[in-house]
Amino acid sequence: MLGIKVAIVRYISDEPQPGVVACELEDAYGHRWWFVEKAAIVSAKPLDAHTSYPQQGVVAGEIVRRSADAAGREIVRIDTTRPWNVESVEGATEFDVLQESLVEL
């Protein structure tokens, strides 16, 4: 399974347990996407209101396709519907990211 690196920028709430955090993803084109997600979905570390932010996190997903842009950079489209049905606050579940934004989970 693959994941997209995200920045966990703040802790939002203790409810529901184990807490909710705000995350940011910058795609291959410089667009910033925001996620509000359970802390355990995006980080293996215990996070709470006393944690120092930002923290590195990961949103899991599946590769939809690979392509190259005009500059020759590899662009990877990732769908975050599976395994945990993660979507941005705008409702998006597919994101074009650079290869170096991906990590093996």
PDB file of N, CA and C in Angstrom:
ATOM      1  N   MET A   1       0.852  -1.172   0.000  1.00  0.00           N
ATOM      2  CA  MET A   1       0.000   0.000   0.000  1.00  0.00           C
ATOM      3  C   MET A   1       0.896   1.232   0.000  1.00  0.00           C
ATOM      4  N   LEU A   2       0.452   2.282  -0.676  1.00  0.00           N
ATOM      5  CA  LEU A   2       1.189   3.534  -0.741  1.00  0.00           C
ATOM      6  C   LEU A   2       0.498   4.606   0.067  1.00  0.00           C
ATOM      7  N   GLY A   3       1.267   5.613   0.430  1.00  0.00           N
ATOM      8  CA  GLY A   3       0.715   6.760   1.113  1.00  0.00           C
ATOM      9  C   GLY A   3       1.286   8.037   0.549  1.00  0.00           C
ATOM     10  N   ILE A   4       0.552   9.129   0.705  1.00  0.00           N
ATOM     11  CA  ILE A   4       0.991  10.464   0.314  1.00  0.00           C
ATOM     12  C   ILE A   4       1.413  11.191   1.580  1.00  0.00           C
ATOM     13  N   LYS A   5       2.599  11.785   1.564  1.00  0.00           N
ATOM     14  CA  LYS A   5       3.053  12.569   2.702  1.00  0.00           C
ATOM     15  C   LYS A   5       2.170  13.801   2.862  1.00  0.00           C
ATOM     16  N   VAL A   6       1.761  14.055   4.102  1.00  0.00           N
ATOM     17  CA  VAL A   6       0.996  15.255   4.442  1.00  0.00           C
ATOM     18  C   VAL A   6       1.630  15.897   5.664  1.00  0.00           C
ATOM     19  N   ALA A   7       1.330  17.160   5.861  1.00  0.00           N
ATOM     20  CA  ALA A   7       1.746  17.864   7.071  1.00  0.00           C
ATOM     21  C   ALA A   7       0.540  17.949   8.000  1.00  0.00           C
ATOM     22  N   ILE A   8       0.687  17.416   9.193  1.00  0.00           N
ATOM     23  CA  ILE A   8      -0.365  17.536  10.209  1.00  0.00           C
ATOM     24  C   ILE A   8      -0.108  18.867  10.896  1.00  0.00           C
ATOM     25  N   VAL A   9      -1.007  19.823  10.708  1.00  0.00           N
ATOM     26  CA  VAL A   9      -0.724  21.190  11.125  1.00  0.00           C
ATOM     27  C   VAL A   9      -1.347  21.603  12.457  1.00  0.00           C
ATOM     28  N   ARG A  10      -2.394  20.908  12.871  1.00  0.00           N
ATOM     29  CA  ARG A  10      -2.956  21.250  14.189  1.00  0.00           C
ATOM     30  C   ARG A  10      -3.902  20.159  14.684  1.00  0.00           C
ATOM     31  N   TYR A  11      -4.055  20.160  15.987  1.00  0.00           N
ATOM     32  CA  TYR A  11      -4.989  19.257  16.651  1.00  0.00           C
ATOM     33  C   TYR A  11      -6.312  19.988  16.770  1.00  0.00           C
ATOM     34  N   ILE A  12      -7.396  19.322  16.421  1.00  0.00           N
ATOM     35  CA  ILE A  12      -8.707  19.977  16.425  1.00  0.00           C
ATOM     36  C   ILE A  12      -9.538  19.618  17.648  1.00  0.00           C
ATOM     37  N   SER A  13      -9.628  18.307  17.964  1.00  0.00           N
ATOM     38  CA  SER A  13     -10.551  17.893  19.012  1.00  0.00           C
ATOM     39  C   SER A  13     -10.184  16.521  19.556  1.00  0.00           C
ATOM     40  N   ASP A  14     -10.564  16.284  20.805  1.00  0.00           N
ATOM     41  CA  ASP A  14     -10.397  14.962  21.411  1.00  0.00           C
ATOM     42  C   ASP A  14     -11.513  14.003  21.006  1.00  0.00           C
ATOM     43  N   GLU A  15     -12.601  14.527  20.487  1.00  0.00           N
ATOM     44  CA  GLU A  15     -13.743  13.702  20.103  1.00  0.00           C
ATOM     45  C   GLU A  15     -13.894  13.675  18.595  1.00  0.00           C
ATOM     46  N   PRO A  16     -14.089  12.554  17.969  1.00  0.00           N
ATOM     47  CA  PRO A  16     -14.080  11.231  18.577  1.00  0.00           C
ATOM     48  C   PRO A  16     -12.664  10.780  18.892  1.00  0.00           C
ATOM     49  N   GLN A  17     -12.556   9.869  19.818  1.00  0.00           N
ATOM     50  CA  GLN A  17     -11.255   9.309  20.196  1.00  0.00           C
ATOM     51  C   GLN A  17     -10.664   8.557  19.017  1.00  0.00           C
ATOM     52  N   PRO A  18      -9.413   8.576  18.716  1.00  0.00           N
ATOM     53  CA  PRO A  18      -8.311   9.128  19.499  1.00  0.00           C
ATOM     54  C   PRO A  18      -7.985  10.581  19.170  1.00  0.00           C
ATOM     55  N   GLY A  19      -8.912  11.321  18.619  1.00  0.00           N
ATOM     56  CA  GLY A  19      -8.698  12.733  18.315  1.00  0.00           C
ATOM     57  C   GLY A  19      -8.744  13.010  16.826  1.00  0.00           C
ATOM     58  N   VAL A  20      -8.915  14.293  16.506  1.00  0.00           N
ATOM     59  CA  VAL A  20      -9.042  14.734  15.123  1.00  0.00           C
ATOM     60  C   VAL A  20      -7.994  15.807  14.860  1.00  0.00           C
ATOM     61  N   VAL A  21      -7.360  15.723  13.675  1.00  0.00           N
ATOM     62  CA  VAL A  21      -6.313  16.668  13.292  1.00  0.00           C
ATOM     63  C   VAL A  21      -6.614  17.276  11.927  1.00  0.00           C
ATOM     64  N   ALA A  22      -5.985  18.417  11.649  1.00  0.00           N
ATOM     65  CA  ALA A  22      -6.042  19.050  10.329  1.00  0.00           C
ATOM     66  C   ALA A  22      -4.726  18.772   9.625  1.00  0.00           C
ATOM     67  N   CYS A  23      -4.818  18.359   8.353  1.00  0.00           N
ATOM     68  CA  CYS A  23      -3.639  18.025   7.557  1.00  0.00           C
ATOM     69  C   CYS A  23      -3.658  18.811   6.255  1.00  0.00           C
ATOM     70  N   GLU A  24      -2.460  19.029   5.724  1.00  0.00           N
ATOM     71  CA  GLU A  24      -2.317  19.744   4.467  1.00  0.00           C
ATOM     72  C   GLU A  24      -1.497  18.910   3.493  1.00  0.00           C
ATOM     73  N   LEU A  25      -1.933  18.880   2.239  1.00  0.00           N
ATOM     74  CA  LEU A  25      -1.228  18.206   1.154  1.00  0.00           C
ATOM     75  C   LEU A  25      -1.005  19.221   0.049  1.00  0.00           C
ATOM     76  N   GLU A  26       0.240  19.334  -0.407  1.00  0.00           N
ATOM     77  CA  GLU A  26       0.517  20.170  -1.569  1.00  0.00           C
ATOM     78  C   GLU A  26       0.697  19.242  -2.763  1.00  0.00           C
ATOM     79  N   ASP A  27      -0.135  19.427  -3.792  1.00  0.00           N
ATOM     80  CA  ASP A  27      -0.072  18.528  -4.946  1.00  0.00           C
ATOM     81  C   ASP A  27       1.048  18.931  -5.904  1.00  0.00           C
ATOM     82  N   ALA A  28       1.148  18.243  -7.021  1.00  0.00           N
ATOM     83  CA  ALA A  28       2.227  18.456  -7.993  1.00  0.00           C
ATOM     84  C   ALA A  28       2.174  19.833  -8.638  1.00  0.00           C
ATOM     85  N   TYR A  29       1.039  20.501  -8.548  1.00  0.00           N
ATOM     86  CA  TYR A  29       0.862  21.799  -9.194  1.00  0.00           C
ATOM     87  C   TYR A  29       0.870  22.956  -8.195  1.00  0.00           C
ATOM     88  N   GLY A  30       1.176  22.647  -6.934  1.00  0.00           N
ATOM     89  CA  GLY A  30       1.244  23.687  -5.909  1.00  0.00           C
ATOM     90  C   GLY A  30      -0.077  23.987  -5.224  1.00  0.00           C
ATOM     91  N   HIS A  31      -1.141  23.258  -5.571  1.00  0.00           N
ATOM     92  CA  HIS A  31      -2.441  23.456  -4.912  1.00  0.00           C
ATOM     93  C   HIS A  31      -2.411  22.807  -3.532  1.00  0.00           C
ATOM     94  N   ARG A  32      -2.919  23.502  -2.538  1.00  0.00           N
ATOM     95  CA  ARG A  32      -2.972  22.957  -1.177  1.00  0.00           C
ATOM     96  C   ARG A  32      -4.363  22.384  -0.914  1.00  0.00           C
ATOM     97  N   TRP A  33      -4.355  21.129  -0.475  1.00  0.00           N
ATOM     98  CA  TRP A  33      -5.586  20.429  -0.121  1.00  0.00           C
ATOM     99  C   TRP A  33      -5.598  20.245   1.389  1.00  0.00           C
ATOM    100  N   TRP A  34      -6.777  20.391   1.995  1.00  0.00           N
ATOM    101  CA  TRP A  34      -6.929  20.247   3.445  1.00  0.00           C
ATOM    102  C   TRP A  34      -7.762  19.021   3.774  1.00  0.00           C
ATOM    103  N   PHE A  35      -7.364  18.351   4.853  1.00  0.00           N
ATOM    104  CA  PHE A  35      -8.069  17.176   5.354  1.00  0.00           C
ATOM    105  C   PHE A  35      -8.322  17.369   6.837  1.00  0.00           C
ATOM    106  N   VAL A  36      -9.467  16.930   7.313  1.00  0.00           N
ATOM    107  CA  VAL A  36      -9.768  16.835   8.735  1.00  0.00           C
ATOM    108  C   VAL A  36     -10.034  15.355   8.962  1.00  0.00           C
ATOM    109  N   GLU A  37      -9.154  14.736   9.768  1.00  0.00           N
ATOM    110  CA  GLU A  37      -9.190  13.273   9.862  1.00  0.00           C
ATOM    111  C   GLU A  37      -8.818  12.822  11.265  1.00  0.00           C
ATOM    112  N   LYS A  38      -9.234  11.610  11.608  1.00  0.00           N
ATOM    113  CA  LYS A  38      -8.827  11.014  12.882  1.00  0.00           C
ATOM    114  C   LYS A  38      -7.308  10.883  12.892  1.00  0.00           C
ATOM    115  N   ALA A  39      -6.726  11.234  14.016  1.00  0.00           N
ATOM    116  CA  ALA A  39      -5.263  11.212  14.142  1.00  0.00           C
ATOM    117  C   ALA A  39      -4.683   9.838  13.820  1.00  0.00           C
ATOM    118  N   ALA A  40      -5.344   8.772  14.230  1.00  0.00           N
ATOM    119  CA  ALA A  40      -4.828   7.419  14.010  1.00  0.00           C
ATOM    120  C   ALA A  40      -4.817   7.023  12.534  1.00  0.00           C
ATOM    121  N   ILE A  41      -5.592   7.682  11.698  1.00  0.00           N
ATOM    122  CA  ILE A  41      -5.618   7.386  10.264  1.00  0.00           C
ATOM    123  C   ILE A  41      -4.382   7.954   9.578  1.00  0.00           C
ATOM    124  N   VAL A  42      -3.887   9.106  10.033  1.00  0.00           N
ATOM    125  CA  VAL A  42      -2.790   9.789   9.346  1.00  0.00           C
ATOM    126  C   VAL A  42      -1.439   9.682  10.055  1.00  0.00           C
ATOM    127  N   SER A  43      -1.412   9.125  11.269  1.00  0.00           N
ATOM    128  CA  SER A  43      -0.145   9.031  12.005  1.00  0.00           C
ATOM    129  C   SER A  43      -0.140   7.835  12.942  1.00  0.00           C
ATOM    130  N   ALA A  44       1.014   7.187  13.022  1.00  0.00           N
ATOM    131  CA  ALA A  44       1.177   6.092  13.976  1.00  0.00           C
ATOM    132  C   ALA A  44       1.576   6.633  15.352  1.00  0.00           C
ATOM    133  N   LYS A  45       1.992   7.894  15.403  1.00  0.00           N
ATOM    134  CA  LYS A  45       2.374   8.520  16.671  1.00  0.00           C
ATOM    135  C   LYS A  45       1.135   8.964  17.441  1.00  0.00           C
ATOM    136  N   PRO A  46       1.188   8.918  18.753  1.00  0.00           N
ATOM    137  CA  PRO A  46       0.071   9.478  19.525  1.00  0.00           C
ATOM    138  C   PRO A  46       0.108  11.007  19.427  1.00  0.00           C
ATOM    139  N   LEU A  47      -0.970  11.612  19.001  1.00  0.00           N
ATOM    140  CA  LEU A  47      -1.064  13.059  18.838  1.00  0.00           C
ATOM    141  C   LEU A  47      -2.136  13.613  19.754  1.00  0.00           C
ATOM    142  N   ASP A  48      -1.882  14.791  20.309  1.00  0.00           N
ATOM    143  CA  ASP A  48      -2.892  15.461  21.127  1.00  0.00           C
ATOM    144  C   ASP A  48      -2.653  16.958  21.085  1.00  0.00           C
ATOM    145  N   ALA A  49      -3.403  17.694  21.873  1.00  0.00           N
ATOM    146  CA  ALA A  49      -3.320  19.147  21.877  1.00  0.00           C
ATOM    147  C   ALA A  49      -1.964  19.657  22.372  1.00  0.00           C
ATOM    148  N   HIS A  50      -1.196  18.830  23.068  1.00  0.00           N
ATOM    149  CA  HIS A  50       0.099  19.241  23.605  1.00  0.00           C
ATOM    150  C   HIS A  50       1.265  18.910  22.674  1.00  0.00           C
ATOM    151  N   THR A  51       0.999  18.194  21.585  1.00  0.00           N
ATOM    152  CA  THR A  51       2.027  17.840  20.617  1.00  0.00           C
ATOM    153  C   THR A  51       2.463  19.093  19.869  1.00  0.00           C
ATOM    154  N   SER A  52       3.747  19.165  19.530  1.00  0.00           N
ATOM    155  CA  SER A  52       4.272  20.264  18.722  1.00  0.00           C
ATOM    156  C   SER A  52       3.934  20.012  17.254  1.00  0.00           C
ATOM    157  N   TYR A  53       3.387  21.037  16.580  1.00  0.00           N
ATOM    158  CA  TYR A  53       2.996  20.906  15.181  1.00  0.00           C
ATOM    159  C   TYR A  53       3.776  21.897  14.341  1.00  0.00           C
ATOM    160  N   PRO A  54       4.048  21.577  13.058  1.00  0.00           N
ATOM    161  CA  PRO A  54       3.515  20.467  12.272  1.00  0.00           C
ATOM    162  C   PRO A  54       4.244  19.158  12.536  1.00  0.00           C
ATOM    163  N   GLN A  55       3.563  18.065  12.245  1.00  0.00           N
ATOM    164  CA  GLN A  55       4.094  16.705  12.296  1.00  0.00           C
ATOM    165  C   GLN A  55       3.932  16.095  10.910  1.00  0.00           C
ATOM    166  N   GLN A  56       4.799  15.140  10.587  1.00  0.00           N
ATOM    167  CA  GLN A  56       4.634  14.432   9.316  1.00  0.00           C
ATOM    168  C   GLN A  56       3.555  13.375   9.461  1.00  0.00           C
ATOM    169  N   GLY A  57       2.725  13.252   8.445  1.00  0.00           N
ATOM    170  CA  GLY A  57       1.687  12.237   8.417  1.00  0.00           C
ATOM    171  C   GLY A  57       1.588  11.633   7.030  1.00  0.00           C
ATOM    172  N   VAL A  58       0.687  10.682   6.886  1.00  0.00           N
ATOM    173  CA  VAL A  58       0.512   9.982   5.615  1.00  0.00           C
ATOM    174  C   VAL A  58      -0.967   9.684   5.417  1.00  0.00           C
ATOM    175  N   VAL A  59      -1.437   9.901   4.182  1.00  0.00           N
ATOM    176  CA  VAL A  59      -2.781   9.499   3.793  1.00  0.00           C
ATOM    177  C   VAL A  59      -2.619   8.333   2.818  1.00  0.00           C
ATOM    178  N   ALA A  60      -3.180   7.185   3.154  1.00  0.00           N
ATOM    179  CA  ALA A  60      -3.047   5.984   2.318  1.00  0.00           C
ATOM    180  C   ALA A  60      -3.921   6.082   1.080  1.00  0.00           C
ATOM    181  N   GLY A  61      -3.479   5.407   0.014  1.00  0.00           N
ATOM    182  CA  GLY A  61      -4.258   5.403  -1.215  1.00  0.00           C
ATOM    183  C   GLY A  61      -3.722   4.409  -2.229  1.00  0.00           C
ATOM    184  N   GLU A  62      -4.325   4.445  -3.403  1.00  0.00           N
ATOM    185  CA  GLU A  62      -3.949   3.548  -4.501  1.00  0.00           C
ATOM    186  C   GLU A  62      -3.615   4.372  -5.736  1.00  0.00           C
ATOM    187  N   ILE A  63      -2.651   3.890  -6.502  1.00  0.00           N
ATOM    188  CA  ILE A  63      -2.273   4.571  -7.737  1.00  0.00           C
ATOM    189  C   ILE A  63      -3.362   4.363  -8.783  1.00  0.00           C
ATOM    190  N   VAL A  64      -3.776   5.465  -9.409  1.00  0.00           N
ATOM    191  CA  VAL A  64      -4.739   5.429 -10.509  1.00  0.00           C
ATOM    192  C   VAL A  64      -3.976   5.408 -11.831  1.00  0.00           C
ATOM    193  N   ARG A  65      -2.962   6.290 -11.937  1.00  0.00           N
ATOM    194  CA  ARG A  65      -2.144   6.314 -13.154  1.00  0.00           C
ATOM    195  C   ARG A  65      -0.862   7.106 -12.899  1.00  0.00           C
ATOM    196  N   ARG A  66       0.071   6.902 -13.813  1.00  0.00           N
ATOM    197  CA  ARG A  66       1.337   7.640 -13.812  1.00  0.00           C
ATOM    198  C   ARG A  66       1.447   8.357 -15.153  1.00  0.00           C
ATOM    199  N   SER A  67       1.992   9.568 -15.130  1.00  0.00           N
ATOM    200  CA  SER A  67       2.205  10.324 -16.360  1.00  0.00           C
ATOM    201  C   SER A  67       3.382  11.267 -16.140  1.00  0.00           C
ATOM    202  N   ALA A  68       3.719  12.026 -17.156  1.00  0.00           N
ATOM    203  CA  ALA A  68       4.782  13.018 -17.042  1.00  0.00           C
ATOM    204  C   ALA A  68       4.212  14.374 -17.448  1.00  0.00           C
ATOM    205  N   ASP A  69       4.682  15.430 -16.772  1.00  0.00           N
ATOM    206  CA  ASP A  69       4.245  16.772 -17.161  1.00  0.00           C
ATOM    207  C   ASP A  69       5.201  17.331 -18.213  1.00  0.00           C
ATOM    208  N   ALA A  70       4.974  18.567 -18.639  1.00  0.00           N
ATOM    209  CA  ALA A  70       5.778  19.184 -19.699  1.00  0.00           C
ATOM    210  C   ALA A  70       7.246  19.323 -19.310  1.00  0.00           C
ATOM    211  N   ALA A  71       7.523  19.391 -18.007  1.00  0.00           N
ATOM    212  CA  ALA A  71       8.902  19.507 -17.529  1.00  0.00           C
ATOM    213  C   ALA A  71       9.567  18.143 -17.356  1.00  0.00           C
ATOM    214  N   GLY A  72       8.827  17.074 -17.633  1.00  0.00           N
ATOM    215  CA  GLY A  72       9.379  15.730 -17.513  1.00  0.00           C
ATOM    216  C   GLY A  72       9.271  15.128 -16.122  1.00  0.00           C
ATOM    217  N   ARG A  73       8.591  15.811 -15.204  1.00  0.00           N
ATOM    218  CA  ARG A  73       8.408  15.263 -13.854  1.00  0.00           C
ATOM    219  C   ARG A  73       7.374  14.150 -13.890  1.00  0.00           C
ATOM    220  N   GLU A  74       7.614  13.097 -13.092  1.00  0.00           N
ATOM    221  CA  GLU A  74       6.629  12.021 -12.997  1.00  0.00           C
ATOM    222  C   GLU A  74       5.501  12.470 -12.076  1.00  0.00           C
ATOM    223  N   ILE A  75       4.284  12.428 -12.593  1.00  0.00           N
ATOM    224  CA  ILE A  75       3.084  12.780 -11.833  1.00  0.00           C
ATOM    225  C   ILE A  75       2.318  11.485 -11.572  1.00  0.00           C
ATOM    226  N   VAL A  76       1.959  11.277 -10.320  1.00  0.00           N
ATOM    227  CA  VAL A  76       1.233  10.071  -9.933  1.00  0.00           C
ATOM    228  C   VAL A  76      -0.135  10.487  -9.391  1.00  0.00           C
ATOM    229  N   ARG A  77      -1.196   9.966  -9.995  1.00  0.00           N
ATOM    230  CA  ARG A  77      -2.548  10.223  -9.479  1.00  0.00           C
ATOM    231  C   ARG A  77      -2.872   9.141  -8.459  1.00  0.00           C
ATOM    232  N   ILE A  78      -3.215   9.588  -7.250  1.00  0.00           N
ATOM    233  CA  ILE A  78      -3.542   8.694  -6.139  1.00  0.00           C
ATOM    234  C   ILE A  78      -5.007   8.877  -5.759  1.00  0.00           C
ATOM    235  N   ASP A  79      -5.688   7.765  -5.531  1.00  0.00           N
ATOM    236  CA  ASP A  79      -7.070   7.771  -5.055  1.00  0.00           C
ATOM    237  C   ASP A  79      -7.055   7.347  -3.590  1.00  0.00           C
ATOM    238  N   THR A  80      -7.591   8.193  -2.711  1.00  0.00           N
ATOM    239  CA  THR A  80      -7.570   7.925  -1.265  1.00  0.00           C
ATOM    240  C   THR A  80      -8.862   7.299  -0.753  1.00  0.00           C
ATOM    241  N   THR A  81      -9.720   6.851  -1.667  1.00  0.00           N
ATOM    242  CA  THR A  81     -10.965   6.208  -1.251  1.00  0.00           C
ATOM    243  C   THR A  81     -10.683   4.935  -0.462  1.00  0.00           C
ATOM    244  N   ARG A  82      -9.716   4.139  -0.951  1.00  0.00           N
ATOM    245  CA  ARG A  82      -9.346   2.916  -0.253  1.00  0.00           C
ATOM    246  C   ARG A  82      -7.949   3.066   0.283  1.00  0.00           C
ATOM    247  N   PRO A  83      -7.643   2.651   1.461  1.00  0.00           N
ATOM    248  CA  PRO A  83      -8.429   1.729   2.271  1.00  0.00           C
ATOM    249  C   PRO A  83      -9.354   2.385   3.296  1.00  0.00           C
ATOM    250  N   TRP A  84      -9.203   3.728   3.562  1.00  0.00           N
ATOM    251  CA  TRP A  84      -9.917   4.322   4.696  1.00  0.00           C
ATOM    252  C   TRP A  84     -10.896   5.416   4.318  1.00  0.00           C
ATOM    253  N   ASN A  85     -11.223   5.550   3.021  1.00  0.00           N
ATOM    254  CA  ASN A  85     -12.199   6.530   2.569  1.00  0.00           C
ATOM    255  C   ASN A  85     -11.884   7.953   3.037  1.00  0.00           C
ATOM    256  N   VAL A  86     -10.646   8.368   2.810  1.00  0.00           N
ATOM    257  CA  VAL A  86     -10.211   9.721   3.181  1.00  0.00           C
ATOM    258  C   VAL A  86     -10.507  10.660   2.017  1.00  0.00           C
ATOM    259  N   GLU A  87     -11.069  11.834   2.349  1.00  0.00           N
ATOM    260  CA  GLU A  87     -11.313  12.842   1.329  1.00  0.00           C
ATOM    261  C   GLU A  87     -10.940  14.214   1.872  1.00  0.00           C
ATOM    262  N   SER A  88     -10.635  15.135   0.955  1.00  0.00           N
ATOM    263  CA  SER A  88     -10.307  16.500   1.363  1.00  0.00           C
ATOM    264  C   SER A  88     -11.573  17.188   1.873  1.00  0.00           C
ATOM    265  N   VAL A  89     -11.410  18.344   2.492  1.00  0.00           N
ATOM    266  CA  VAL A  89     -12.589  19.068   2.974  1.00  0.00           C
ATOM    267  C   VAL A  89     -13.481  19.502   1.804  1.00  0.00           C
ATOM    268  N   GLU A  90     -12.910  19.565   0.589  1.00  0.00           N
ATOM    269  CA  GLU A  90     -13.690  19.879  -0.601  1.00  0.00           C
ATOM    270  C   GLU A  90     -14.390  18.647  -1.174  1.00  0.00           C
ATOM    271  N   GLY A  91     -14.104  17.470  -0.624  1.00  0.00           N
ATOM    272  CA  GLY A  91     -14.715  16.237  -1.099  1.00  0.00           C
ATOM    273  C   GLY A  91     -13.901  15.492  -2.147  1.00  0.00           C
ATOM    274  N   ALA A  92     -12.686  15.951  -2.454  1.00  0.00           N
ATOM    275  CA  ALA A  92     -11.842  15.290  -3.457  1.00  0.00           C
ATOM    276  C   ALA A  92     -11.176  14.048  -2.873  1.00  0.00           C
ATOM    277  N   THR A  93     -11.022  13.025  -3.719  1.00  0.00           N
ATOM    278  CA  THR A  93     -10.346  11.790  -3.311  1.00  0.00           C
ATOM    279  C   THR A  93      -9.225  11.399  -4.263  1.00  0.00           C
ATOM    280  N   GLU A  94      -9.025  12.148  -5.345  1.00  0.00           N
ATOM    281  CA  GLU A  94      -7.924  11.879  -6.269  1.00  0.00           C
ATOM    282  C   GLU A  94      -7.022  13.099  -6.345  1.00  0.00           C
ATOM    283  N   PHE A  95      -5.714  12.829  -6.259  1.00  0.00           N
ATOM    284  CA  PHE A  95      -4.728  13.902  -6.192  1.00  0.00           C
ATOM    285  C   PHE A  95      -3.532  13.562  -7.064  1.00  0.00           C
ATOM    286  N   ASP A  96      -3.047  14.544  -7.821  1.00  0.00           N
ATOM    287  CA  ASP A  96      -1.835  14.389  -8.615  1.00  0.00           C
ATOM    288  C   ASP A  96      -0.666  14.856  -7.770  1.00  0.00           C
ATOM    289  N   VAL A  97       0.256  13.951  -7.503  1.00  0.00           N
ATOM    290  CA  VAL A  97       1.411  14.266  -6.663  1.00  0.00           C
ATOM    291  C   VAL A  97       2.692  13.853  -7.372  1.00  0.00           C
ATOM    292  N   LEU A  98       3.802  14.409  -6.920  1.00  0.00           N
ATOM    293  CA  LEU A  98       5.103  14.001  -7.435  1.00  0.00           C
ATOM    294  C   LEU A  98       5.496  12.674  -6.805  1.00  0.00           C
ATOM    295  N   GLN A  99       6.265  11.899  -7.529  1.00  0.00           N
ATOM    296  CA  GLN A  99       6.719  10.586  -7.054  1.00  0.00           C
ATOM    297  C   GLN A  99       7.350  10.685  -5.665  1.00  0.00           C
ATOM    298  N   GLU A 100       8.125  11.743  -5.416  1.00  0.00           N
ATOM    299  CA  GLU A 100       8.805  11.854  -4.119  1.00  0.00           C
ATOM    300  C   GLU A 100       7.858  12.155  -2.953  1.00  0.00           C
ATOM    301  N   SER A 101       6.593  12.413  -3.243  1.00  0.00           N
ATOM    302  CA  SER A 101       5.593  12.610  -2.187  1.00  0.00           C
ATOM    303  C   SER A 101       5.010  11.292  -1.685  1.00  0.00           C
ATOM    304  N   LEU A 102       5.394  10.177  -2.313  1.00  0.00           N
ATOM    305  CA  LEU A 102       4.835   8.886  -1.948  1.00  0.00           C
ATOM    306  C   LEU A 102       5.764   8.113  -1.005  1.00  0.00           C
ATOM    307  N   VAL A 103       5.146   7.339  -0.127  1.00  0.00           N
ATOM    308  CA  VAL A 103       5.878   6.453   0.770  1.00  0.00           C
ATOM    309  C   VAL A 103       5.208   5.080   0.771  1.00  0.00           C
ATOM    310  N   GLU A 104       6.003   4.064   0.964  1.00  0.00           N
ATOM    311  CA  GLU A 104       5.480   2.705   1.080  1.00  0.00           C
ATOM    312  C   GLU A 104       5.011   2.492   2.511  1.00  0.00           C
ATOM    313  N   LEU A 105       3.789   1.980   2.678  1.00  0.00           N
ATOM    314  CA  LEU A 105       3.247   1.730   4.023  1.00  0.00           C
ATOM    315  C   LEU A 105       3.352   0.266   4.372  1.00  0.00           C
TER     316      LEU A 105
END
